[in-house]
Amino acid sequence: MKQVQVHGPDDVRLVEVPEPRPGPRDAVIRVARCGICGSDVGYAKLGGLAGPTRHPMPLGHELAGVVETVGSECEGLAPGQRVVLNPTRSRIGNGGREGGFAPRLLVRDAAAGDSLLPIPDGLSFEHAALAEPLGVGMNAVDRSEAQGGERVVVLGAGPIGLAAVASLVDRGIEDVVAVDLSDTRLALATRLGASATVNPAQGDAWKQLREIHGTTPMMGSPVLATNVFIEASGAPTVIPEVVAHARPEARLVVVALHREPLPIHFLLVMMKQLTIRGAMEYPADYRRMIDLLARRDLGAMVTHRFPLEAFDEALAVARDPHAGGKVLIDLEEST
């Protein structure tokens, strides 16, 4: 079968590999949809998990599909079950020996409710494949402790920022502003419930935010009245700017990848008594994302679909911050 692998920096190949053979504790999934994650784009650029590796690295961990075969010792799994993958239980697509950009995927030590979670019949594979990126945005919202009546700014409207917007709106938080340089992505944020959008290319972003959220006094000077910031852009200037413009006791959650150190004015952090938190991976209960996807149509997050054979084209779209939202690979025709 065909499988997508990283062989070095900017060297991504679709290669022939043997069909998976499960052991007694393993399952094989017939993959239906698999999304291209921002981390996949990073792995492709670096040539591996954190740089070139000795062996090719398979890609793909945002997936939904059908259980095809199960080992005799797998608990709670049966052929024909529709499932999503919880990638934290393995290294699938993240430095392990398997990856989801292939018609079939070997899941080692598989068990229902752990590495593989059932999805309802009414939930399409396309929407179910959003569970992993939705979980990243949902975890950031969890850690922000945003409450109804608060003003929230989501910085970056890529798939994770869009997931944060959807999670905030689902909790009844009405004042959610999305900030991005792409009007296409801002339109997606609006469709998912953002109350306002800001494009820094059309003028000073902080001035625009002051017009939307207003100001509050600090030591006799006005500062932005936003309560919560969720940083999902990865732009190196954003975190220092949030610290400079934030109100006293504002909260900042960083969910974007910042690979380089940033200069942060910690005197302002102290004076304003700011809370800065990191957010990585997902809520402890992976079923929360499945429940939300079953309740609300978040299909607006998906803007591009490609067959496995066009992975290079799909990756180019995923690399373009102005192209749109989530890019999915349709593997049903490749099975």
Protein backbone atom coordinates (compact mmCIF):
# COMPACT_ATOMS: atom_id res chain seq x y z
CA MET A 1 0.00 0.00 0.00
CA LYS A 2 0.99 3.68 -0.25
CA GLN A 3 2.14 5.65 2.81
CA VAL A 4 3.31 9.25 3.29
CA GLN A 5 6.75 9.52 4.87
CA VAL A 6 9.24 12.27 5.67
CA HIS A 7 12.73 11.37 4.42
CA GLY A 8 14.50 14.64 5.22
CA PRO A 9 13.95 18.41 5.31
CA ASP A 10 11.29 19.27 2.70
CA ASP A 11 11.52 15.69 1.40
CA VAL A 12 8.06 14.13 1.73
CA ARG A 13 7.35 11.01 -0.30
CA LEU A 14 4.45 8.69 -1.05
CA VAL A 15 6.09 5.27 -0.92
CA GLU A 16 5.12 1.60 -1.12
CA VAL A 17 5.09 -0.24 2.22
CA PRO A 18 3.81 -3.69 3.26
CA GLU A 19 0.21 -4.08 4.40
CA PRO A 20 0.00 -4.07 8.22
CA ARG A 21 -0.11 -7.40 10.07
CA PRO A 22 -1.67 -7.11 13.52
CA GLY A 23 -0.53 -9.06 16.54
CA PRO A 24 -2.89 -10.37 19.26
CA ARG A 25 -3.11 -6.95 20.98
CA ASP A 26 -3.30 -4.87 17.78
CA ALA A 27 -6.00 -3.58 15.44
CA VAL A 28 -5.96 -2.47 11.81
CA ILE A 29 -8.01 0.57 10.85
CA ARG A 30 -9.24 1.23 7.34
CA VAL A 31 -8.61 4.98 7.28
CA ALA A 32 -11.36 7.12 5.76
CA ARG A 33 -10.16 10.69 6.43
CA CYS A 34 -6.93 12.11 7.83
CA GLY A 35 -6.22 15.79 8.37
CA ILE A 36 -2.93 17.59 7.80
CA CYS A 37 -1.85 19.07 11.13
CA GLY A 38 0.36 22.09 11.63
CA SER A 39 2.83 19.72 13.24
CA ASP A 40 2.91 17.70 9.99
CA VAL A 41 3.93 20.87 8.16
CA GLY A 42 6.65 21.39 10.78
CA TYR A 43 7.88 17.79 10.55
CA ALA A 44 8.11 18.11 6.78
CA LYS A 45 10.15 21.30 7.05
CA LEU A 46 12.50 19.92 9.74
CA GLY A 47 12.84 16.47 8.20
CA GLY A 48 11.46 14.62 11.23
CA LEU A 49 10.13 15.04 14.74
CA ALA A 50 12.78 17.62 15.69
CA GLY A 51 15.11 17.27 12.71
CA PRO A 52 16.36 14.56 10.33
CA THR A 53 16.12 11.00 11.66
CA ARG A 54 17.88 7.76 10.78
CA HIS A 55 14.72 6.25 9.30
CA PRO A 56 11.82 7.69 7.30
CA MET A 57 9.02 9.04 9.52
CA PRO A 58 5.38 8.28 8.60
CA LEU A 59 2.93 11.17 8.91
CA GLY A 60 -0.74 11.44 9.90
CA HIS A 61 -2.56 11.37 13.25
CA GLU A 62 -5.85 13.29 12.78
CA LEU A 63 -7.96 10.43 11.53
CA ALA A 64 -11.24 8.58 11.48
CA GLY A 65 -12.04 5.23 9.94
CA VAL A 66 -13.37 1.71 10.39
CA VAL A 67 -11.94 -1.18 12.39
CA GLU A 68 -11.00 -3.80 9.82
CA THR A 69 -9.28 -6.53 11.86
CA VAL A 70 -8.57 -7.01 15.56
CA GLY A 71 -6.23 -9.24 17.50
CA SER A 72 -7.59 -11.88 19.85
CA GLU A 73 -6.59 -9.88 22.94
CA CYS A 74 -8.11 -6.51 21.90
CA GLU A 75 -10.84 -5.44 24.28
CA GLY A 76 -14.09 -3.83 23.15
CA LEU A 77 -13.21 -3.68 19.45
CA ALA A 78 -14.85 -5.49 16.56
CA PRO A 79 -14.58 -5.28 12.78
CA GLY A 80 -16.93 -2.70 11.33
CA GLN A 81 -16.78 -0.24 14.24
CA ARG A 82 -16.46 3.42 13.24
CA VAL A 83 -13.73 5.07 15.31
CA VAL A 84 -11.38 8.01 15.78
CA LEU A 85 -7.79 7.73 16.94
CA ASN A 86 -6.50 9.24 20.17
CA PRO A 87 -2.87 9.80 19.13
CA THR A 88 -1.62 10.42 22.68
CA ARG A 89 -1.80 6.68 23.33
CA SER A 90 0.81 5.99 20.66
CA ARG A 91 3.35 7.79 18.53
CA ILE A 92 1.36 7.32 15.35
CA GLY A 93 2.31 10.10 12.97
CA ASN A 94 4.53 11.66 15.63
CA GLY A 95 7.81 9.77 15.37
CA GLY A 96 6.44 6.23 15.53
CA ARG A 97 6.53 3.43 12.99
CA GLU A 98 3.02 4.04 11.64
CA GLY A 99 1.17 6.99 10.15
CA GLY A 100 -2.41 7.76 9.19
CA PHE A 101 -1.78 8.93 5.63
CA ALA A 102 -2.21 5.39 4.33
CA PRO A 103 -5.24 3.26 3.45
CA ARG A 104 -4.67 1.03 6.48
CA LEU A 105 -3.18 1.80 9.85
CA LEU A 106 -1.76 -0.58 12.46
CA VAL A 107 -2.71 0.49 16.00
CA ARG A 108 -0.61 -1.34 18.55
CA ASP A 109 -2.04 -2.25 21.97
CA ALA A 110 -5.43 -1.10 20.77
CA ALA A 111 -8.41 -0.93 23.10
CA ALA A 112 -11.85 0.66 22.82
CA GLY A 113 -12.17 3.93 24.72
CA ASP A 114 -8.41 4.35 24.95
CA SER A 115 -6.47 4.55 21.68
CA LEU A 116 -9.63 4.09 19.60
CA LEU A 117 -13.00 5.67 20.41
CA PRO A 118 -16.32 4.80 18.77
CA ILE A 119 -18.18 7.54 16.92
CA PRO A 120 -21.96 7.77 16.41
CA ASP A 121 -23.44 6.59 13.13
CA GLY A 122 -24.72 10.07 12.34
CA LEU A 123 -21.24 11.63 12.52
CA SER A 124 -19.46 11.64 9.16
CA PHE A 125 -15.83 10.58 8.89
CA GLU A 126 -15.00 14.06 7.60
CA HIS A 127 -16.35 15.72 10.72
CA ALA A 128 -15.03 13.00 13.05
CA ALA A 129 -11.50 13.59 11.74
CA LEU A 130 -11.73 17.06 13.31
CA ALA A 131 -11.73 15.55 16.83
CA GLU A 132 -7.96 15.89 17.29
CA PRO A 133 -7.56 19.56 16.25
CA LEU A 134 -10.81 20.39 18.04
CA GLY A 135 -9.31 18.89 21.20
CA VAL A 136 -6.26 21.14 20.97
CA GLY A 137 -8.43 24.25 20.74
CA MET A 138 -10.81 22.96 23.43
CA ASN A 139 -7.94 22.33 25.84
CA ALA A 140 -6.72 25.90 25.32
CA VAL A 141 -10.20 27.17 26.15
CA ASP A 142 -10.32 24.92 29.23
CA ARG A 143 -7.05 26.37 30.48
CA SER A 144 -8.21 29.93 29.81
CA GLU A 145 -11.11 29.47 32.25
CA ALA A 146 -13.15 31.81 30.06
CA GLN A 147 -16.60 32.52 31.44
CA GLY A 148 -19.82 33.92 30.03
CA GLY A 149 -19.77 37.71 29.95
CA GLU A 150 -16.00 37.90 29.42
CA ARG A 151 -14.31 39.37 26.35
CA VAL A 152 -12.08 36.91 24.50
CA VAL A 153 -9.60 37.38 21.65
CA VAL A 154 -8.37 34.41 19.62
CA LEU A 155 -5.11 35.31 17.90
CA GLY A 156 -4.78 33.20 14.74
CA ALA A 157 -7.70 31.66 12.85
CA GLY A 158 -6.04 28.55 11.52
CA PRO A 159 -7.56 25.17 12.44
CA ILE A 160 -6.58 25.43 16.13
CA GLY A 161 -7.80 29.01 16.45
CA LEU A 162 -11.04 28.03 14.70
CA ALA A 163 -11.41 25.12 17.12
CA ALA A 164 -10.97 27.53 20.03
CA VAL A 165 -13.63 29.84 18.58
CA ALA A 166 -16.06 26.93 18.20
CA SER A 167 -15.38 25.73 21.75
CA LEU A 168 -15.90 29.21 23.21
CA VAL A 169 -19.15 29.73 21.34
CA ASP A 170 -20.40 26.30 22.40
CA ARG A 171 -19.98 27.38 26.03
CA GLY A 172 -22.16 30.42 25.55
CA ILE A 173 -19.34 32.97 25.42
CA GLU A 174 -20.74 35.62 23.10
CA ASP A 175 -17.91 38.16 22.80
CA VAL A 176 -15.25 36.31 20.80
CA VAL A 177 -12.98 38.23 18.41
CA ALA A 178 -10.79 36.38 15.90
CA VAL A 179 -7.58 37.99 14.62
CA ASP A 180 -5.81 36.83 11.46
CA LEU A 181 -4.10 38.17 8.34
CA SER A 182 -6.32 36.00 6.12
CA ASP A 183 -9.81 37.25 5.28
CA THR A 184 -10.65 33.69 4.21
CA ARG A 185 -9.90 32.35 7.66
CA LEU A 186 -11.68 35.24 9.35
CA ALA A 187 -14.79 34.41 7.32
CA LEU A 188 -14.57 30.85 8.65
CA ALA A 189 -14.30 32.18 12.21
CA THR A 190 -17.47 34.20 11.63
CA ARG A 191 -19.29 31.11 10.35
CA LEU A 192 -18.25 29.29 13.53
CA GLY A 193 -19.68 32.03 15.73
CA ALA A 194 -17.04 34.73 16.23
CA SER A 195 -18.79 38.00 17.06
CA ALA A 196 -16.15 40.15 15.33
CA THR A 197 -12.93 39.81 13.37
CA VAL A 198 -9.75 41.85 13.01
CA ASN A 199 -7.26 41.79 10.13
CA PRO A 200 -3.97 43.51 11.11
CA ALA A 201 -3.25 44.08 7.42
CA GLN A 202 -6.12 46.58 7.39
CA GLY A 203 -4.83 48.74 10.22
CA ASP A 204 -3.42 48.62 13.74
CA ALA A 205 -4.86 45.45 15.31
CA TRP A 206 -4.72 46.80 18.86
CA LYS A 207 -6.57 49.96 17.86
CA GLN A 208 -9.23 47.81 16.21
CA LEU A 209 -9.50 45.66 19.33
CA ARG A 210 -9.89 48.75 21.52
CA GLU A 211 -12.76 49.85 19.33
CA ILE A 212 -14.45 46.46 19.76
CA HIS A 213 -13.70 45.62 23.41
CA GLY A 214 -13.14 49.08 24.80
CA THR A 215 -10.58 50.08 27.42
CA THR A 216 -10.14 50.02 31.16
CA PRO A 217 -7.86 52.27 33.24
CA MET A 218 -4.48 51.21 34.59
CA MET A 219 -2.48 53.75 36.58
CA GLY A 220 -4.31 56.55 34.79
CA SER A 221 -3.83 55.19 31.26
CA PRO A 222 -6.30 53.18 29.13
CA VAL A 223 -5.49 49.52 28.37
CA LEU A 224 -7.45 46.98 26.36
CA ALA A 225 -10.47 45.62 28.25
CA THR A 226 -10.13 42.04 26.90
CA ASN A 227 -10.22 39.42 29.66
CA VAL A 228 -8.77 36.41 27.82
CA PHE A 229 -6.31 35.95 24.96
CA ILE A 230 -5.74 32.61 23.22
CA GLU A 231 -2.54 32.71 21.17
CA ALA A 232 -2.90 30.33 18.23
CA SER A 233 -0.93 32.23 15.59
CA GLY A 234 2.70 31.38 16.32
CA ALA A 235 3.73 34.91 15.29
CA PRO A 236 6.77 35.93 17.37
CA THR A 237 5.53 39.47 18.09
CA VAL A 238 2.14 38.48 19.47
CA ILE A 239 2.96 37.41 23.04
CA PRO A 240 5.06 40.52 23.87
CA GLU A 241 2.30 42.68 22.38
CA VAL A 242 -0.38 40.97 24.47
CA VAL A 243 1.68 41.61 27.62
CA ALA A 244 2.04 45.27 26.62
CA HIS A 245 -1.65 45.87 25.84
CA ALA A 246 -3.45 43.55 28.29
CA ARG A 247 -5.52 44.79 31.19
CA PRO A 248 -4.68 43.91 34.80
CA GLU A 249 -5.44 40.26 35.66
CA ALA A 250 -5.95 39.28 32.03
CA ARG A 251 -5.23 35.65 31.09
CA LEU A 252 -3.13 34.50 28.16
CA VAL A 253 -3.09 30.89 26.94
CA VAL A 254 -0.37 29.90 24.46
CA VAL A 255 -1.36 26.99 22.22
CA ALA A 256 0.71 27.89 19.14
CA LEU A 257 4.20 26.53 18.56
CA HIS A 258 6.92 29.09 19.36
CA ARG A 259 10.20 27.32 18.66
CA GLU A 260 12.41 30.31 19.45
CA PRO A 261 12.74 32.27 22.73
CA LEU A 262 10.73 35.48 22.97
CA PRO A 263 11.49 38.77 24.79
CA ILE A 264 8.75 39.27 27.39
CA HIS A 265 8.53 42.31 29.67
CA PHE A 266 8.07 40.51 32.99
CA LEU A 267 7.85 43.76 34.92
CA LEU A 268 4.52 44.27 33.14
CA VAL A 269 3.53 40.66 33.85
CA MET A 270 4.16 41.35 37.54
CA MET A 271 2.53 44.79 37.65
CA LYS A 272 -0.58 43.64 35.80
CA GLN A 273 -0.69 40.30 37.65
CA LEU A 274 -1.16 38.52 34.35
CA THR A 275 -1.73 34.77 34.07
CA ILE A 276 0.19 33.04 31.26
CA ARG A 277 -0.47 29.35 30.62
CA GLY A 278 0.63 26.85 28.03
CA ALA A 279 -1.82 24.44 26.42
CA MET A 280 -0.80 21.18 24.76
CA GLU A 281 -2.78 18.25 23.43
CA TYR A 282 -6.35 17.59 24.53
CA PRO A 283 -8.80 17.33 27.43
CA ALA A 284 -8.36 14.17 29.49
CA ASP A 285 -11.70 12.83 28.23
CA TYR A 286 -11.36 12.46 24.45
CA ARG A 287 -15.11 11.85 24.16
CA ARG A 288 -15.78 15.54 24.78
CA MET A 289 -14.68 16.39 21.24
CA ILE A 290 -16.80 13.61 19.74
CA ASP A 291 -19.80 14.86 21.72
CA LEU A 292 -19.32 18.43 20.47
CA LEU A 293 -18.92 17.29 16.86
CA ALA A 294 -22.12 15.25 17.18
CA ARG A 295 -24.01 18.27 18.58
CA ARG A 296 -22.75 21.07 16.35
CA ASP A 297 -21.87 21.23 12.67
CA LEU A 298 -18.23 22.35 12.57
CA GLY A 299 -17.80 21.41 8.94
CA ALA A 300 -16.87 25.03 8.12
CA MET A 301 -13.41 24.19 9.47
CA VAL A 302 -12.79 21.96 6.42
CA THR A 303 -11.94 23.90 3.27
CA HIS A 304 -9.87 21.49 1.17
CA ARG A 305 -10.01 17.78 0.33
CA PHE A 306 -7.46 15.78 -1.65
CA PRO A 307 -6.88 12.13 -2.55
CA LEU A 308 -3.78 10.46 -1.12
CA GLU A 309 -2.08 10.59 -4.53
CA ALA A 310 -2.22 14.41 -4.42
CA PHE A 311 -0.57 14.72 -1.00
CA ASP A 312 2.12 17.09 -2.28
CA GLU A 313 -0.55 19.51 -3.47
CA ALA A 314 -2.45 19.14 -0.19
CA LEU A 315 0.68 19.86 1.83
CA ALA A 316 1.34 23.00 -0.21
CA VAL A 317 -2.16 24.26 0.65
CA ALA A 318 -1.67 23.41 4.34
CA ARG A 319 1.55 25.43 4.30
CA ASP A 320 -0.24 28.52 2.95
CA PRO A 321 -1.62 30.58 5.85
CA HIS A 322 -4.04 32.35 3.52
CA ALA A 323 -5.46 29.28 1.78
CA GLY A 324 -8.18 28.36 4.25
CA GLY A 325 -8.87 26.02 7.16
CA LYS A 326 -8.39 22.29 7.63
CA VAL A 327 -6.99 20.24 4.75
CA LEU A 328 -8.22 16.63 4.68
CA ILE A 329 -6.96 13.60 2.80
CA ASP A 330 -9.74 11.34 1.53
CA LEU A 331 -8.46 7.77 1.74
CA GLU A 332 -11.67 5.88 1.00
CA GLU A 333 -10.84 5.71 -2.69
CA SER A 334 -7.37 4.35 -1.83
CA THR A 335 -8.57 1.43 0.33
